[in-house]
PDB file of N, CA and C in Angstrom:
ATOM      1  N   MET A   1     -90.655 -58.018 -67.805  1.00  0.00           N
ATOM      2  CA  MET A   1     -91.939 -58.021 -67.729  1.00  0.00           C
ATOM      3  C   MET A   1     -92.498 -59.237 -68.551  1.00  0.00           C
ATOM      4  N   GLN A   2     -92.031 -59.363 -69.736  1.00  0.00           N
ATOM      5  CA  GLN A   2     -92.515 -60.311 -70.607  1.00  0.00           C
ATOM      6  C   GLN A   2     -92.239 -61.804 -70.102  1.00  0.00           C
ATOM      7  N   LYS A   3     -90.952 -62.015 -69.506  1.00  0.00           N
ATOM      8  CA  LYS A   3     -90.542 -63.266 -68.959  1.00  0.00           C
ATOM      9  C   LYS A   3     -91.345 -63.556 -67.784  1.00  0.00           C
ATOM     10  N   ARG A   4     -91.717 -62.526 -66.880  1.00  0.00           N
ATOM     11  CA  ARG A   4     -92.375 -62.798 -65.695  1.00  0.00           C
ATOM     12  C   ARG A   4     -93.855 -63.217 -66.123  1.00  0.00           C
ATOM     13  N   LEU A   5     -94.384 -62.597 -67.120  1.00  0.00           N
ATOM     14  CA  LEU A   5     -95.857 -62.713 -67.516  1.00  0.00           C
ATOM     15  C   LEU A   5     -95.887 -64.148 -68.013  1.00  0.00           C
ATOM     16  N   ILE A   6     -94.861 -64.604 -68.785  1.00  0.00           N
ATOM     17  CA  ILE A   6     -94.864 -65.987 -69.356  1.00  0.00           C
ATOM     18  C   ILE A   6     -94.868 -67.130 -68.203  1.00  0.00           C
ATOM     19  N   ILE A   7     -94.100 -66.793 -67.270  1.00  0.00           N
ATOM     20  CA  ILE A   7     -93.930 -67.680 -66.063  1.00  0.00           C
ATOM     21  C   ILE A   7     -95.255 -67.744 -65.349  1.00  0.00           C
ATOM     22  N   ALA A   8     -95.784 -66.531 -65.132  1.00  0.00           N
ATOM     23  CA  ALA A   8     -97.009 -66.477 -64.400  1.00  0.00           C
ATOM     24  C   ALA A   8     -98.258 -67.107 -65.161  1.00  0.00           C
ATOM     25  N   ILE A   9     -98.286 -66.961 -66.526  1.00  0.00           N
ATOM     26  CA  ILE A   9     -99.367 -67.456 -67.257  1.00  0.00           C
ATOM     27  C   ILE A   9     -99.112 -69.139 -67.310  1.00  0.00           C
ATOM     28  N   GLY A  10     -97.996 -69.503 -67.342  1.00  0.00           N
ATOM     29  CA  GLY A  10     -97.653 -70.999 -67.309  1.00  0.00           C
ATOM     30  C   GLY A  10     -98.054 -71.576 -66.088  1.00  0.00           C
ATOM     31  N   GLY A  11     -97.773 -70.913 -65.026  1.00  0.00           N
ATOM     32  CA  GLY A  11     -98.103 -71.394 -63.695  1.00  0.00           C
ATOM     33  C   GLY A  11     -99.566 -71.397 -63.415  1.00  0.00           C
ATOM     34  N   ILE A  12    -100.310 -70.339 -63.844  1.00  0.00           N
ATOM     35  CA  ILE A  12    -101.800 -70.443 -63.673  1.00  0.00           C
ATOM     36  C   ILE A  12    -102.377 -71.564 -64.516  1.00  0.00           C
ATOM     37  N   MET A  13    -101.962 -71.739 -65.739  1.00  0.00           N
ATOM     38  CA  MET A  13    -102.613 -72.751 -66.580  1.00  0.00           C
ATOM     39  C   MET A  13    -102.176 -74.161 -66.076  1.00  0.00           C
ATOM     40  N   SER A  14    -101.082 -74.332 -65.446  1.00  0.00           N
ATOM     41  CA  SER A  14    -100.716 -75.721 -65.033  1.00  0.00           C
ATOM     42  C   SER A  14    -101.496 -76.063 -63.584  1.00  0.00           C
ATOM     43  N   LYS A  15    -101.723 -74.967 -62.837  1.00  0.00           N
ATOM     44  CA  LYS A  15    -102.414 -75.058 -61.653  1.00  0.00           C
ATOM     45  C   LYS A  15    -103.936 -75.177 -61.840  1.00  0.00           C
ATOM     46  N   GLN A  16    -104.461 -74.621 -63.075  1.00  0.00           N
ATOM     47  CA  GLN A  16    -105.839 -74.556 -63.336  1.00  0.00           C
ATOM     48  C   GLN A  16    -106.504 -75.965 -63.097  1.00  0.00           C
ATOM     49  N   ARG A  17    -105.803 -77.097 -63.526  1.00  0.00           N
ATOM     50  CA  ARG A  17    -106.392 -78.416 -63.454  1.00  0.00           C
ATOM     51  C   ARG A  17    -106.845 -78.788 -62.011  1.00  0.00           C
ATOM     52  N   ASN A  18    -106.117 -78.146 -61.026  1.00  0.00           N
ATOM     53  CA  ASN A  18    -106.432 -78.442 -59.651  1.00  0.00           C
ATOM     54  C   ASN A  18    -107.555 -77.617 -59.075  1.00  0.00           C
ATOM     55  N   LEU A  19    -108.175 -76.780 -59.778  1.00  0.00           N
ATOM     56  CA  LEU A  19    -109.111 -75.779 -59.209  1.00  0.00           C
ATOM     57  C   LEU A  19    -110.542 -76.314 -59.323  1.00  0.00           C
ATOM     58  N   GLY A  20    -110.769 -77.414 -59.725  1.00  0.00           N
ATOM     59  CA  GLY A  20    -112.185 -77.928 -60.121  1.00  0.00           C
ATOM     60  C   GLY A  20    -112.620 -77.725 -61.643  1.00  0.00           C
ATOM     61  N   ARG A  21    -113.853 -77.868 -61.657  1.00  0.00           N
ATOM     62  CA  ARG A  21    -114.488 -77.830 -63.065  1.00  0.00           C
ATOM     63  C   ARG A  21    -114.237 -76.312 -63.657  1.00  0.00           C
ATOM     64  N   THR A  22    -113.811 -76.226 -64.888  1.00  0.00           N
ATOM     65  CA  THR A  22    -113.717 -74.994 -65.697  1.00  0.00           C
ATOM     66  C   THR A  22    -115.035 -74.762 -66.424  1.00  0.00           C
ATOM     67  N   LYS A  23    -115.712 -73.659 -66.421  1.00  0.00           N
ATOM     68  CA  LYS A  23    -116.819 -73.247 -67.110  1.00  0.00           C
ATOM     69  C   LYS A  23    -116.433 -72.185 -68.099  1.00  0.00           C
ATOM     70  N   SER A  24    -116.989 -72.219 -69.313  1.00  0.00           N
ATOM     71  CA  SER A  24    -116.752 -71.194 -70.291  1.00  0.00           C
ATOM     72  C   SER A  24    -117.858 -70.156 -69.903  1.00  0.00           C
ATOM     73  N   VAL A  25    -117.361 -68.866 -70.133  1.00  0.00           N
ATOM     74  CA  VAL A  25    -118.340 -67.715 -69.937  1.00  0.00           C
ATOM     75  C   VAL A  25    -118.053 -66.752 -71.062  1.00  0.00           C
ATOM     76  N   GLY A  26    -118.966 -65.957 -71.494  1.00  0.00           N
ATOM     77  CA  GLY A  26    -118.743 -64.940 -72.466  1.00  0.00           C
ATOM     78  C   GLY A  26    -118.419 -63.652 -71.811  1.00  0.00           C
ATOM     79  N   VAL A  27    -117.526 -62.833 -72.498  1.00  0.00           N
ATOM     80  CA  VAL A  27    -117.047 -61.557 -72.140  1.00  0.00           C
ATOM     81  C   VAL A  27    -117.252 -60.605 -73.223  1.00  0.00           C
ATOM     82  N   GLY A  28    -118.029 -59.522 -73.107  1.00  0.00           N
ATOM     83  CA  GLY A  28    -118.203 -58.587 -74.167  1.00  0.00           C
ATOM     84  C   GLY A  28    -116.993 -57.579 -74.185  1.00  0.00           C
ATOM     85  N   LEU A  29    -116.374 -57.531 -75.319  1.00  0.00           N
ATOM     86  CA  LEU A  29    -115.168 -56.640 -75.463  1.00  0.00           C
ATOM     87  C   LEU A  29    -115.254 -55.932 -76.798  1.00  0.00           C
ATOM     88  N   ARG A  30    -114.651 -54.817 -76.881  1.00  0.00           N
ATOM     89  CA  ARG A  30    -114.591 -54.022 -78.107  1.00  0.00           C
ATOM     90  C   ARG A  30    -113.687 -54.642 -78.931  1.00  0.00           C
ATOM     91  N   GLU A  31    -113.842 -54.375 -80.325  1.00  0.00           N
ATOM     92  CA  GLU A  31    -112.949 -54.992 -81.274  1.00  0.00           C
ATOM     93  C   GLU A  31    -111.510 -54.672 -81.093  1.00  0.00           C
ATOM     94  N   ARG A  32    -111.241 -53.542 -80.745  1.00  0.00           N
ATOM     95  CA  ARG A  32    -109.801 -53.206 -80.556  1.00  0.00           C
ATOM     96  C   ARG A  32    -109.296 -53.879 -79.208  1.00  0.00           C
ATOM     97  N   GLU A  33    -109.965 -54.107 -78.240  1.00  0.00           N
ATOM     98  CA  GLU A  33    -109.606 -54.790 -77.098  1.00  0.00           C
ATOM     99  C   GLU A  33    -109.188 -56.226 -77.432  1.00  0.00           C
ATOM    100  N   ILE A  34    -109.978 -56.895 -78.201  1.00  0.00           N
ATOM    101  CA  ILE A  34    -109.801 -58.262 -78.621  1.00  0.00           C
ATOM    102  C   ILE A  34    -108.485 -58.314 -79.507  1.00  0.00           C
ATOM    103  N   GLU A  35    -108.431 -57.314 -80.392  1.00  0.00           N
ATOM    104  CA  GLU A  35    -107.117 -57.269 -81.167  1.00  0.00           C
ATOM    105  C   GLU A  35    -105.881 -57.177 -80.320  1.00  0.00           C
ATOM    106  N   GLU A  36    -105.963 -56.277 -79.285  1.00  0.00           N
ATOM    107  CA  GLU A  36    -104.876 -56.116 -78.218  1.00  0.00           C
ATOM    108  C   GLU A  36    -104.493 -57.451 -77.626  1.00  0.00           C
ATOM    109  N   ILE A  37    -105.547 -58.186 -77.154  1.00  0.00           N
ATOM    110  CA  ILE A  37    -105.322 -59.399 -76.388  1.00  0.00           C
ATOM    111  C   ILE A  37    -104.753 -60.446 -77.480  1.00  0.00           C
ATOM    112  N   ASP A  38    -105.192 -60.425 -78.699  1.00  0.00           N
ATOM    113  CA  ASP A  38    -104.683 -61.439 -79.635  1.00  0.00           C
ATOM    114  C   ASP A  38    -103.156 -61.064 -80.045  1.00  0.00           C
ATOM    115  N   GLU A  39    -102.922 -59.779 -80.155  1.00  0.00           N
ATOM    116  CA  GLU A  39    -101.571 -59.407 -80.447  1.00  0.00           C
ATOM    117  C   GLU A  39    -100.540 -59.842 -79.263  1.00  0.00           C
ATOM    118  N   LEU A  40    -101.070 -59.612 -78.100  1.00  0.00           N
ATOM    119  CA  LEU A  40    -100.251 -59.956 -76.909  1.00  0.00           C
ATOM    120  C   LEU A  40    -100.022 -61.553 -76.940  1.00  0.00           C
ATOM    121  N   ALA A  41    -101.136 -62.214 -77.203  1.00  0.00           N
ATOM    122  CA  ALA A  41    -101.136 -63.724 -76.983  1.00  0.00           C
ATOM    123  C   ALA A  41    -100.102 -64.201 -78.161  1.00  0.00           C
ATOM    124  N   GLU A  42    -100.194 -63.683 -79.287  1.00  0.00           N
ATOM    125  CA  GLU A  42     -99.255 -64.005 -80.320  1.00  0.00           C
ATOM    126  C   GLU A  42     -97.834 -63.696 -80.160  1.00  0.00           C
ATOM    127  N   GLU A  43     -97.602 -62.585 -79.608  1.00  0.00           N
ATOM    128  CA  GLU A  43     -96.242 -62.067 -79.068  1.00  0.00           C
ATOM    129  C   GLU A  43     -95.652 -63.050 -78.113  1.00  0.00           C
ATOM    130  N   LEU A  44     -96.343 -63.519 -77.155  1.00  0.00           N
ATOM    131  CA  LEU A  44     -95.975 -64.411 -75.983  1.00  0.00           C
ATOM    132  C   LEU A  44     -96.060 -65.759 -76.272  1.00  0.00           C
ATOM    133  N   GLY A  45     -96.839 -66.261 -77.356  1.00  0.00           N
ATOM    134  CA  GLY A  45     -96.874 -67.718 -77.723  1.00  0.00           C
ATOM    135  C   GLY A  45     -97.981 -68.337 -76.817  1.00  0.00           C
ATOM    136  N   PHE A  46     -99.037 -67.642 -76.548  1.00  0.00           N
ATOM    137  CA  PHE A  46    -100.134 -68.203 -75.703  1.00  0.00           C
ATOM    138  C   PHE A  46    -101.507 -68.073 -76.463  1.00  0.00           C
ATOM    139  N   SER A  47    -102.488 -68.784 -76.149  1.00  0.00           N
ATOM    140  CA  SER A  47    -103.784 -68.405 -76.663  1.00  0.00           C
ATOM    141  C   SER A  47    -104.484 -67.283 -76.057  1.00  0.00           C
ATOM    142  N   ARG A  48    -105.408 -66.762 -76.733  1.00  0.00           N
ATOM    143  CA  ARG A  48    -106.318 -65.762 -76.293  1.00  0.00           C
ATOM    144  C   ARG A  48    -106.850 -66.152 -74.904  1.00  0.00           C
ATOM    145  N   ASN A  49    -107.312 -67.374 -74.836  1.00  0.00           N
ATOM    146  CA  ASN A  49    -107.877 -67.899 -73.495  1.00  0.00           C
ATOM    147  C   ASN A  49    -106.919 -67.890 -72.430  1.00  0.00           C
ATOM    148  N   ALA A  50    -105.554 -68.244 -72.670  1.00  0.00           N
ATOM    149  CA  ALA A  50    -104.651 -68.225 -71.579  1.00  0.00           C
ATOM    150  C   ALA A  50    -104.378 -66.788 -71.066  1.00  0.00           C
ATOM    151  N   ILE A  51    -104.333 -65.881 -72.100  1.00  0.00           N
ATOM    152  CA  ILE A  51    -104.097 -64.488 -71.672  1.00  0.00           C
ATOM    153  C   ILE A  51    -105.186 -63.888 -70.860  1.00  0.00           C
ATOM    154  N   MET A  52    -106.445 -64.177 -71.215  1.00  0.00           N
ATOM    155  CA  MET A  52    -107.587 -63.613 -70.589  1.00  0.00           C
ATOM    156  C   MET A  52    -107.734 -64.303 -69.217  1.00  0.00           C
ATOM    157  N   VAL A  53    -107.419 -65.584 -69.144  1.00  0.00           N
ATOM    158  CA  VAL A  53    -107.511 -66.167 -67.749  1.00  0.00           C
ATOM    159  C   VAL A  53    -106.462 -65.565 -66.827  1.00  0.00           C
ATOM    160  N   TRP A  54    -105.298 -65.370 -67.296  1.00  0.00           N
ATOM    161  CA  TRP A  54    -104.251 -64.720 -66.453  1.00  0.00           C
ATOM    162  C   TRP A  54    -104.737 -63.350 -66.099  1.00  0.00           C
ATOM    163  N   MET A  55    -105.199 -62.541 -67.039  1.00  0.00           N
ATOM    164  CA  MET A  55    -105.642 -61.146 -66.746  1.00  0.00           C
ATOM    165  C   MET A  55    -106.772 -61.122 -65.655  1.00  0.00           C
ATOM    166  N   ILE A  56    -107.800 -62.001 -65.726  1.00  0.00           N
ATOM    167  CA  ILE A  56    -108.830 -62.015 -64.814  1.00  0.00           C
ATOM    168  C   ILE A  56    -108.450 -62.429 -63.487  1.00  0.00           C
ATOM    169  N   ARG A  57    -107.647 -63.644 -63.361  1.00  0.00           N
ATOM    170  CA  ARG A  57    -107.099 -64.102 -62.091  1.00  0.00           C
ATOM    171  C   ARG A  57    -106.210 -63.154 -61.457  1.00  0.00           C
ATOM    172  N   HIS A  58    -105.344 -62.502 -62.314  1.00  0.00           N
ATOM    173  CA  HIS A  58    -104.358 -61.529 -61.751  1.00  0.00           C
ATOM    174  C   HIS A  58    -105.181 -60.322 -61.067  1.00  0.00           C
ATOM    175  N   LEU A  59    -106.065 -59.897 -61.815  1.00  0.00           N
ATOM    176  CA  LEU A  59    -107.013 -58.786 -61.397  1.00  0.00           C
ATOM    177  C   LEU A  59    -107.747 -59.084 -60.066  1.00  0.00           C
ATOM    178  N   MET A  60    -108.297 -60.349 -60.056  1.00  0.00           N
ATOM    179  CA  MET A  60    -109.103 -60.741 -58.937  1.00  0.00           C
ATOM    180  C   MET A  60    -108.171 -60.894 -57.721  1.00  0.00           C
ATOM    181  N   ARG A  61    -106.952 -61.402 -57.838  1.00  0.00           N
ATOM    182  CA  ARG A  61    -105.947 -61.512 -56.719  1.00  0.00           C
ATOM    183  C   ARG A  61    -105.594 -60.207 -56.178  1.00  0.00           C
ATOM    184  N   LYS A  62    -105.312 -59.227 -57.053  1.00  0.00           N
ATOM    185  CA  LYS A  62    -104.945 -57.822 -56.663  1.00  0.00           C
ATOM    186  C   LYS A  62    -106.176 -57.168 -55.864  1.00  0.00           C
ATOM    187  N   ILE A  63    -107.488 -57.399 -56.292  1.00  0.00           N
ATOM    188  CA  ILE A  63    -108.562 -56.757 -55.560  1.00  0.00           C
ATOM    189  C   ILE A  63    -108.783 -57.555 -54.180  1.00  0.00           C
ATOM    190  N   ARG A  64    -108.513 -58.810 -54.106  1.00  0.00           N
ATOM    191  CA  ARG A  64    -108.698 -59.607 -52.846  1.00  0.00           C
ATOM    192  C   ARG A  64    -107.525 -59.122 -51.863  1.00  0.00           C
ATOM    193  N   GLU A  65    -106.394 -58.840 -52.440  1.00  0.00           N
ATOM    194  CA  GLU A  65    -105.218 -58.565 -51.490  1.00  0.00           C
ATOM    195  C   GLU A  65    -105.280 -57.035 -51.144  1.00  0.00           C
ATOM    196  N   GLY A  66    -106.294 -56.222 -51.692  1.00  0.00           N
ATOM    197  CA  GLY A  66    -106.378 -54.938 -51.394  1.00  0.00           C
ATOM    198  C   GLY A  66    -105.390 -53.969 -52.164  1.00  0.00           C
ATOM    199  N   ASP A  67    -104.708 -54.571 -53.148  1.00  0.00           N
ATOM    200  CA  ASP A  67    -103.817 -53.728 -53.973  1.00  0.00           C
ATOM    201  C   ASP A  67    -104.446 -52.817 -55.079  1.00  0.00           C
ATOM    202  N   LEU A  68    -105.698 -53.168 -55.327  1.00  0.00           N
ATOM    203  CA  LEU A  68    -106.500 -52.444 -56.307  1.00  0.00           C
ATOM    204  C   LEU A  68    -108.005 -52.357 -55.919  1.00  0.00           C
ATOM    205  N   GLU A  69    -108.498 -51.136 -56.069  1.00  0.00           N
ATOM    206  CA  GLU A  69    -109.915 -50.849 -55.643  1.00  0.00           C
ATOM    207  C   GLU A  69    -110.627 -50.554 -56.969  1.00  0.00           C
ATOM    208  N   ILE A  70    -111.871 -51.136 -57.018  1.00  0.00           N
ATOM    209  CA  ILE A  70    -112.659 -50.893 -58.089  1.00  0.00           C
ATOM    210  C   ILE A  70    -113.424 -49.675 -57.861  1.00  0.00           C
ATOM    211  N   PRO A  71    -113.275 -48.710 -58.976  1.00  0.00           N
ATOM    212  CA  PRO A  71    -113.999 -47.383 -58.661  1.00  0.00           C
ATOM    213  C   PRO A  71    -115.485 -47.439 -59.029  1.00  0.00           C
ATOM    214  N   ILE A  72    -116.299 -47.766 -58.068  1.00  0.00           N
ATOM    215  CA  ILE A  72    -117.712 -47.909 -58.353  1.00  0.00           C
ATOM    216  C   ILE A  72    -118.344 -46.682 -57.627  1.00  0.00           C
ATOM    217  N   GLU A  73    -119.043 -45.838 -58.404  1.00  0.00           N
ATOM    218  CA  GLU A  73    -119.689 -44.538 -57.717  1.00  0.00           C
ATOM    219  C   GLU A  73    -120.895 -44.845 -56.970  1.00  0.00           C
ATOM    220  N   THR A  74    -121.780 -45.593 -57.492  1.00  0.00           N
ATOM    221  CA  THR A  74    -123.011 -45.902 -56.741  1.00  0.00           C
ATOM    222  C   THR A  74    -123.211 -47.374 -57.012  1.00  0.00           C
ATOM    223  N   LYS A  75    -123.899 -47.950 -55.969  1.00  0.00           N
ATOM    224  CA  LYS A  75    -124.245 -49.370 -56.160  1.00  0.00           C
ATOM    225  C   LYS A  75    -125.418 -49.634 -57.110  1.00  0.00           C
ATOM    226  N   THR A  76    -126.278 -48.641 -57.315  1.00  0.00           N
ATOM    227  CA  THR A  76    -127.348 -48.756 -58.134  1.00  0.00           C
ATOM    228  C   THR A  76    -127.001 -48.503 -59.733  1.00  0.00           C
ATOM    229  N   GLU A  77    -125.812 -48.004 -59.958  1.00  0.00           N
ATOM    230  CA  GLU A  77    -125.456 -47.766 -61.356  1.00  0.00           C
ATOM    231  C   GLU A  77    -124.766 -48.969 -62.045  1.00  0.00           C
ATOM    232  N   VAL A  78    -125.579 -50.071 -62.211  1.00  0.00           N
ATOM    233  CA  VAL A  78    -125.031 -51.379 -62.500  1.00  0.00           C
ATOM    234  C   VAL A  78    -124.575 -51.333 -64.109  1.00  0.00           C
ATOM    235  N   THR A  79    -125.106 -50.414 -64.862  1.00  0.00           N
ATOM    236  CA  THR A  79    -124.797 -50.482 -66.234  1.00  0.00           C
ATOM    237  C   THR A  79    -123.458 -49.800 -66.647  1.00  0.00           C
ATOM    238  N   LYS A  80    -122.958 -49.030 -65.663  1.00  0.00           N
ATOM    239  CA  LYS A  80    -121.687 -48.276 -65.831  1.00  0.00           C
ATOM    240  C   LYS A  80    -120.532 -49.291 -66.007  1.00  0.00           C
ATOM    241  N   TYR A  81    -119.704 -49.017 -67.097  1.00  0.00           N
ATOM    242  CA  TYR A  81    -118.616 -49.908 -67.435  1.00  0.00           C
ATOM    243  C   TYR A  81    -117.407 -49.438 -66.621  1.00  0.00           C
ATOM    244  N   ILE A  82    -116.798 -50.373 -65.879  1.00  0.00           N
ATOM    245  CA  ILE A  82    -115.566 -49.990 -65.031  1.00  0.00           C
ATOM    246  C   ILE A  82    -114.538 -49.424 -66.115  1.00  0.00           C
ATOM    247  N   GLY A  83    -113.801 -48.344 -65.812  1.00  0.00           N
ATOM    248  CA  GLY A  83    -112.735 -47.866 -66.633  1.00  0.00           C
ATOM    249  C   GLY A  83    -113.299 -46.847 -67.645  1.00  0.00           C
ATOM    250  N   ASP A  84    -114.587 -46.873 -68.058  1.00  0.00           N
ATOM    251  CA  ASP A  84    -115.003 -45.903 -69.002  1.00  0.00           C
ATOM    252  C   ASP A  84    -115.177 -44.494 -68.480  1.00  0.00           C
ATOM    253  N   PRO A  85    -114.921 -43.542 -69.221  1.00  0.00           N
ATOM    254  CA  PRO A  85    -114.994 -42.128 -68.605  1.00  0.00           C
ATOM    255  C   PRO A  85    -116.404 -41.695 -68.401  1.00  0.00           C
TER     256      PRO A  85
END
């Protein structure tokens, strides 16, 4: 898993230059979630940004391919956090 993740992250980051302008956006995370991302980034030798870019793009690809469905109960419930109980 770790070797595949490193290859995937490296591939995404090298292809990123060809996707047009990159814009910075803020993401609200809990302190422990940030710590987990930082731990993973340190373990794999990548920046926090590289790990988060890979996670978001991987998730988006899975959703587009139909391999993952986002559990949204109602369209009007916009404040519900995905994955929260």
